[in-house]
Every structure is written in C-alpha cells, then in structure tokens.
Amino acid sequence: MELIKIAAKQQPVITRLSDAMDAAVAYAAAVCDNAIDDGQPIPPELVASFQADYNQIISLLTQAASV
C-alpha cells in the first residue's frame, strides 16, 4: 500500500488538524451521548453553526487539494 505523500512543511499542520478532527469527533460523540442520556436535544442552531464550520474546513481543504 502506498503512503500519502505530504510536503514536509505541511506534515506538522496536517498532524495537528488530524488530531483536532479526532478530538472533535470524540466531543461530538459525547454531546450525542449526553443528549440521549438526558433525553434533551441540542438546539438546531448549534448544529447549524457546527455544520457551517465543517463546511468551511472542507472548502479550504478542497481548495488546498486543487492548487
């Protein structure tokens, strides 16, 4: 299996982004578990705000991939 080639300058940034994304997924799972446990949904506006952040991340990474 071939490894993904990443420029040396990008390596520490990609590693930190990956770690942050892993943490974000874990936090989202905790929010979900808490909502289920408490039977109380989070506000849809909060979901929309996080979705906008996610969309911006994808947009920036897509742009970086198409340089």
Protein backbone atom coordinates (compact mmCIF):
# COMPACT_ATOMS: atom_id res chain seq x y z
CA MET A 1 0.00 0.00 0.00
CA GLU A 2 1.36 3.40 -1.00
CA LEU A 3 1.66 6.10 1.65
CA ILE A 4 0.19 9.52 1.03
CA LYS A 5 2.93 11.97 0.11
CA ILE A 6 2.73 15.22 2.06
CA ALA A 7 5.16 18.12 1.81
CA ALA A 8 7.44 18.44 4.83
CA LYS A 9 6.05 21.92 5.55
CA GLN A 10 2.51 20.51 5.68
CA GLN A 11 3.29 17.47 7.86
CA PRO A 12 3.03 19.14 11.31
CA VAL A 13 -0.05 21.11 10.26
CA ILE A 14 -1.77 18.02 8.84
CA THR A 15 -0.92 16.07 12.00
CA ARG A 16 -2.42 18.78 14.22
CA LEU A 17 -5.52 19.05 12.03
CA SER A 18 -5.96 15.27 12.18
CA ASP A 19 -5.61 15.30 15.97
CA ALA A 20 -8.11 18.17 16.24
CA MET A 21 -10.59 16.34 14.00
CA ASP A 22 -10.22 13.16 16.09
CA ALA A 23 -10.91 15.21 19.22
CA ALA A 24 -13.90 16.92 17.58
CA VAL A 25 -15.43 13.56 16.69
CA ALA A 26 -14.95 12.38 20.29
CA TYR A 27 -16.57 15.58 21.63
CA ALA A 28 -19.48 15.21 19.22
CA ALA A 29 -19.99 11.63 20.39
CA ALA A 30 -20.03 12.85 24.00
CA VAL A 31 -22.60 15.54 23.13
CA CYS A 32 -24.73 12.87 21.43
CA ASP A 33 -24.45 10.50 24.40
CA ASN A 34 -25.39 13.29 26.82
CA ALA A 35 -28.40 14.29 24.72
CA ILE A 36 -29.57 10.68 24.57
CA ASP A 37 -28.97 10.09 28.29
CA ASP A 38 -30.80 13.28 29.26
CA GLY A 39 -33.49 12.96 26.60
CA GLN A 40 -32.80 16.58 25.68
CA PRO A 41 -31.76 17.54 22.16
CA ILE A 42 -29.21 20.24 21.47
CA PRO A 43 -30.52 23.36 19.72
CA PRO A 44 -30.71 23.09 15.92
CA GLU A 45 -28.96 26.47 15.68
CA LEU A 46 -25.93 24.94 17.37
CA VAL A 47 -25.91 22.07 14.89
CA ALA A 48 -26.13 24.58 12.03
CA SER A 49 -23.20 26.54 13.45
CA PHE A 50 -21.03 23.43 13.65
CA GLN A 51 -22.14 22.42 10.17
CA ALA A 52 -21.01 25.80 8.82
CA ASP A 53 -17.61 25.30 10.47
CA TYR A 54 -17.33 21.83 8.95
CA ASN A 55 -18.29 23.13 5.51
CA GLN A 56 -15.61 25.82 5.75
CA ILE A 57 -12.98 23.20 6.67
CA ILE A 58 -13.97 21.04 3.69
CA SER A 59 -13.95 24.05 1.38
CA LEU A 60 -10.45 25.08 2.46
CA LEU A 61 -9.07 21.54 2.20
CA THR A 62 -10.67 21.09 -1.24
CA GLN A 63 -9.04 24.32 -2.36
CA ALA A 64 -5.68 23.14 -0.98
CA ALA A 65 -6.08 19.86 -2.87
CA SER A 66 -6.70 21.59 -6.18
CA VAL A 67 -3.77 24.04 -6.22
